[in-house]
Amino acid sequence: MRDPIRPFGKPGTHVVLGGKAVYGAPLGILTLEARFPRIQGDMGNALTWPFPVLYRVSAGASPDLVVCHGAQGLLDDFIEAARDLVDLGAEAITTNCGFLSIYQTALANAVGVPVATSSMIGASGYRRYCLRVSDPVL
């Protein structure tokens, strides 16, 4: 028979420890500071995802600076933004610009969660896992 006074057991026996600021938002997305329409289907539109996501816009990271100038001087800003996302509860980090793949290793080493800066980071493994040895390299 359950104790009506303590239906969950003795005090202290069902204590949840640890935690993070936000739950249910496993994906953190680092974005450039850009102003153009983000229609549904674009990763910069939260309605694209079937689950909640967290965003961090990296101030000063214009498409021109990232694409044409190799994101020069932005690594520390992106690391800080990625750490903010992890602090908020992100369990993985991605970016909305594949040109940030130059920072893949640095970002992955700076945060304690998986990082995928570009869908192309898996391309080198594609041949090994999907193609026969005799197939031509794409």
C-alpha atoms as a PDB file:
ATOM      1  CA  MET A   1       0.000   0.000   0.000  1.00  0.00           C
ATOM      2  CA  ARG A   2       1.262   3.467  -0.920  1.00  0.00           C
ATOM      3  CA  ASP A   3       1.925   5.992   1.778  1.00  0.00           C
ATOM      4  CA  PRO A   4      -0.532   8.890   1.159  1.00  0.00           C
ATOM      5  CA  ILE A   5       1.806  11.314   2.933  1.00  0.00           C
ATOM      6  CA  ARG A   6       4.918  10.299   0.959  1.00  0.00           C
ATOM      7  CA  PRO A   7       3.658   8.766  -2.318  1.00  0.00           C
ATOM      8  CA  PHE A   8       7.124   9.010  -3.887  1.00  0.00           C
ATOM      9  CA  GLY A   9       9.076   7.477  -1.006  1.00  0.00           C
ATOM     10  CA  LYS A  10      11.153   8.956   1.759  1.00  0.00           C
ATOM     11  CA  PRO A  11      12.430  12.516   1.260  1.00  0.00           C
ATOM     12  CA  GLY A  12      15.684  12.561  -0.635  1.00  0.00           C
ATOM     13  CA  THR A  13      15.229   9.205  -2.347  1.00  0.00           C
ATOM     14  CA  HIS A  14      14.039  10.648  -5.677  1.00  0.00           C
ATOM     15  CA  VAL A  15      16.343  13.587  -6.143  1.00  0.00           C
ATOM     16  CA  VAL A  16      17.483  14.608  -9.600  1.00  0.00           C
ATOM     17  CA  LEU A  17      21.012  15.985  -9.666  1.00  0.00           C
ATOM     18  CA  GLY A  18      22.873  17.979 -12.289  1.00  0.00           C
ATOM     19  CA  GLY A  19      21.186  19.499 -15.252  1.00  0.00           C
ATOM     20  CA  LYS A  20      21.421  22.220 -17.806  1.00  0.00           C
ATOM     21  CA  ALA A  21      19.594  25.416 -18.622  1.00  0.00           C
ATOM     22  CA  VAL A  22      17.324  24.040 -21.348  1.00  0.00           C
ATOM     23  CA  TYR A  23      16.108  20.558 -22.250  1.00  0.00           C
ATOM     24  CA  GLY A  24      14.559  19.326 -25.474  1.00  0.00           C
ATOM     25  CA  ALA A  25      16.764  21.382 -27.785  1.00  0.00           C
ATOM     26  CA  PRO A  26      19.576  19.041 -28.728  1.00  0.00           C
ATOM     27  CA  LEU A  27      20.790  20.928 -31.807  1.00  0.00           C
ATOM     28  CA  GLY A  28      22.610  24.245 -31.636  1.00  0.00           C
ATOM     29  CA  ILE A  29      23.052  26.178 -34.881  1.00  0.00           C
ATOM     30  CA  LEU A  30      25.750  28.803 -35.380  1.00  0.00           C
ATOM     31  CA  THR A  31      24.653  31.343 -37.957  1.00  0.00           C
ATOM     32  CA  LEU A  32      26.213  34.135 -39.915  1.00  0.00           C
ATOM     33  CA  GLU A  33      24.957  37.674 -39.509  1.00  0.00           C
ATOM     34  CA  ALA A  34      22.933  37.787 -42.686  1.00  0.00           C
ATOM     35  CA  ARG A  35      19.604  39.321 -43.571  1.00  0.00           C
ATOM     36  CA  PHE A  36      17.776  37.454 -46.288  1.00  0.00           C
ATOM     37  CA  PRO A  37      14.603  35.378 -46.310  1.00  0.00           C
ATOM     38  CA  ARG A  38      14.886  32.061 -44.523  1.00  0.00           C
ATOM     39  CA  ILE A  39      11.977  30.084 -45.927  1.00  0.00           C
ATOM     40  CA  GLN A  40      10.841  26.861 -44.335  1.00  0.00           C
ATOM     41  CA  GLY A  41      13.324  24.220 -45.412  1.00  0.00           C
ATOM     42  CA  ASP A  42      16.304  26.515 -44.830  1.00  0.00           C
ATOM     43  CA  MET A  43      18.221  25.576 -41.688  1.00  0.00           C
ATOM     44  CA  GLY A  44      17.965  29.185 -40.545  1.00  0.00           C
ATOM     45  CA  ASN A  45      14.195  28.793 -40.181  1.00  0.00           C
ATOM     46  CA  ALA A  46      13.274  27.033 -36.937  1.00  0.00           C
ATOM     47  CA  LEU A  47      10.095  25.647 -38.552  1.00  0.00           C
ATOM     48  CA  THR A  48      12.339  23.505 -40.772  1.00  0.00           C
ATOM     49  CA  TRP A  49      13.159  21.201 -37.891  1.00  0.00           C
ATOM     50  CA  PRO A  50      10.860  18.542 -36.397  1.00  0.00           C
ATOM     51  CA  PHE A  51      12.401  19.335 -32.986  1.00  0.00           C
ATOM     52  CA  PRO A  52      13.395  22.501 -31.139  1.00  0.00           C
ATOM     53  CA  VAL A  53      16.717  24.104 -32.044  1.00  0.00           C
ATOM     54  CA  LEU A  54      18.832  26.844 -30.528  1.00  0.00           C
ATOM     55  CA  TYR A  55      20.460  29.579 -32.610  1.00  0.00           C
ATOM     56  CA  ARG A  56      23.405  31.901 -32.050  1.00  0.00           C
ATOM     57  CA  VAL A  57      24.107  34.637 -34.574  1.00  0.00           C
ATOM     58  CA  SER A  58      27.794  35.476 -34.638  1.00  0.00           C
ATOM     59  CA  ALA A  59      27.921  39.266 -34.723  1.00  0.00           C
ATOM     60  CA  GLY A  60      30.150  40.570 -37.478  1.00  0.00           C
ATOM     61  CA  ALA A  61      30.283  37.245 -39.327  1.00  0.00           C
ATOM     62  CA  SER A  62      28.988  38.528 -42.632  1.00  0.00           C
ATOM     63  CA  PRO A  63      28.704  36.208 -45.632  1.00  0.00           C
ATOM     64  CA  ASP A  64      31.338  38.353 -47.379  1.00  0.00           C
ATOM     65  CA  LEU A  65      33.818  38.032 -44.512  1.00  0.00           C
ATOM     66  CA  VAL A  66      33.283  34.278 -44.212  1.00  0.00           C
ATOM     67  CA  VAL A  67      33.096  33.319 -47.904  1.00  0.00           C
ATOM     68  CA  CYS A  68      35.457  35.814 -49.519  1.00  0.00           C
ATOM     69  CA  HIS A  69      37.944  36.318 -46.680  1.00  0.00           C
ATOM     70  CA  GLY A  70      38.084  32.870 -45.068  1.00  0.00           C
ATOM     71  CA  ALA A  71      36.301  33.927 -41.860  1.00  0.00           C
ATOM     72  CA  GLN A  72      39.498  35.670 -40.840  1.00  0.00           C
ATOM     73  CA  GLY A  73      39.492  36.667 -37.181  1.00  0.00           C
ATOM     74  CA  LEU A  74      36.172  34.982 -36.361  1.00  0.00           C
ATOM     75  CA  LEU A  75      37.273  31.721 -34.757  1.00  0.00           C
ATOM     76  CA  ASP A  76      37.133  32.996 -31.167  1.00  0.00           C
ATOM     77  CA  ASP A  77      33.663  34.459 -31.747  1.00  0.00           C
ATOM     78  CA  PHE A  78      32.376  31.169 -33.129  1.00  0.00           C
ATOM     79  CA  ILE A  79      33.918  29.205 -30.249  1.00  0.00           C
ATOM     80  CA  GLU A  80      32.265  31.556 -27.757  1.00  0.00           C
ATOM     81  CA  ALA A  81      28.916  31.215 -29.544  1.00  0.00           C
ATOM     82  CA  ALA A  82      29.226  27.414 -29.651  1.00  0.00           C
ATOM     83  CA  ARG A  83      30.002  27.311 -25.923  1.00  0.00           C
ATOM     84  CA  ASP A  84      26.964  29.503 -25.268  1.00  0.00           C
ATOM     85  CA  LEU A  85      24.794  27.009 -27.157  1.00  0.00           C
ATOM     86  CA  VAL A  86      26.205  24.114 -25.143  1.00  0.00           C
ATOM     87  CA  ASP A  87      25.619  26.041 -21.905  1.00  0.00           C
ATOM     88  CA  LEU A  88      21.994  26.500 -22.990  1.00  0.00           C
ATOM     89  CA  GLY A  89      21.581  22.766 -23.536  1.00  0.00           C
ATOM     90  CA  ALA A  90      22.692  22.015 -27.087  1.00  0.00           C
ATOM     91  CA  GLU A  91      23.954  18.466 -27.396  1.00  0.00           C
ATOM     92  CA  ALA A  92      25.386  18.946 -30.902  1.00  0.00           C
ATOM     93  CA  ILE A  93      26.486  21.960 -32.936  1.00  0.00           C
ATOM     94  CA  THR A  94      26.175  22.695 -36.644  1.00  0.00           C
ATOM     95  CA  THR A  95      26.492  25.817 -38.764  1.00  0.00           C
ATOM     96  CA  ASN A  96      24.425  27.372 -41.514  1.00  0.00           C
ATOM     97  CA  CYS A  97      27.498  27.950 -43.675  1.00  0.00           C
ATOM     98  CA  GLY A  98      29.694  25.160 -44.991  1.00  0.00           C
ATOM     99  CA  PHE A  99      32.547  27.617 -45.432  1.00  0.00           C
ATOM    100  CA  LEU A 100      32.999  27.376 -41.671  1.00  0.00           C
ATOM    101  CA  SER A 101      34.352  23.865 -42.192  1.00  0.00           C
ATOM    102  CA  ILE A 102      37.806  25.459 -41.922  1.00  0.00           C
ATOM    103  CA  TYR A 103      37.022  25.700 -38.193  1.00  0.00           C
ATOM    104  CA  GLN A 104      35.708  22.130 -37.835  1.00  0.00           C
ATOM    105  CA  THR A 105      38.601  20.801 -35.750  1.00  0.00           C
ATOM    106  CA  ALA A 106      38.984  23.909 -33.600  1.00  0.00           C
ATOM    107  CA  LEU A 107      35.260  24.073 -32.799  1.00  0.00           C
ATOM    108  CA  ALA A 108      35.041  20.345 -32.094  1.00  0.00           C
ATOM    109  CA  ASN A 109      38.022  20.573 -29.736  1.00  0.00           C
ATOM    110  CA  ALA A 110      36.599  23.624 -27.957  1.00  0.00           C
ATOM    111  CA  VAL A 111      33.195  22.205 -27.019  1.00  0.00           C
ATOM    112  CA  GLY A 112      32.292  18.904 -25.423  1.00  0.00           C
ATOM    113  CA  VAL A 113      29.627  17.923 -27.946  1.00  0.00           C
ATOM    114  CA  PRO A 114      29.699  16.698 -31.559  1.00  0.00           C
ATOM    115  CA  VAL A 115      30.244  19.424 -34.175  1.00  0.00           C
ATOM    116  CA  ALA A 116      29.382  19.280 -37.882  1.00  0.00           C
ATOM    117  CA  THR A 117      30.277  22.519 -39.629  1.00  0.00           C
ATOM    118  CA  SER A 118      29.357  21.216 -43.075  1.00  0.00           C
ATOM    119  CA  SER A 119      27.570  18.257 -44.586  1.00  0.00           C
ATOM    120  CA  MET A 120      30.737  17.739 -46.619  1.00  0.00           C
ATOM    121  CA  ILE A 121      32.774  16.656 -43.591  1.00  0.00           C
ATOM    122  CA  GLY A 122      31.471  13.149 -44.150  1.00  0.00           C
ATOM    123  CA  ALA A 123      32.326  13.067 -47.851  1.00  0.00           C
ATOM    124  CA  SER A 124      35.716  11.434 -47.373  1.00  0.00           C
ATOM    125  CA  GLY A 125      34.075   8.479 -45.656  1.00  0.00           C
ATOM    126  CA  TYR A 126      31.438   8.086 -48.350  1.00  0.00           C
ATOM    127  CA  ARG A 127      33.642   6.053 -50.660  1.00  0.00           C
ATOM    128  CA  ARG A 128      34.776   3.758 -47.878  1.00  0.00           C
ATOM    129  CA  TYR A 129      31.243   2.977 -46.668  1.00  0.00           C
ATOM    130  CA  CYS A 130      29.067   3.236 -49.764  1.00  0.00           C
ATOM    131  CA  LEU A 131      31.065   2.504 -52.882  1.00  0.00           C
ATOM    132  CA  ARG A 132      32.734  -0.636 -54.113  1.00  0.00           C
ATOM    133  CA  VAL A 133      36.489  -0.435 -54.403  1.00  0.00           C
ATOM    134  CA  SER A 134      36.203  -0.455 -58.200  1.00  0.00           C
ATOM    135  CA  ASP A 135      33.784   2.493 -58.314  1.00  0.00           C
ATOM    136  CA  PRO A 136      35.232   5.831 -59.463  1.00  0.00           C
ATOM    137  CA  VAL A 137      35.848   8.508 -56.871  1.00  0.00           C
ATOM    138  CA  LEU A 138      33.222  11.232 -57.008  1.00  0.00           C
END
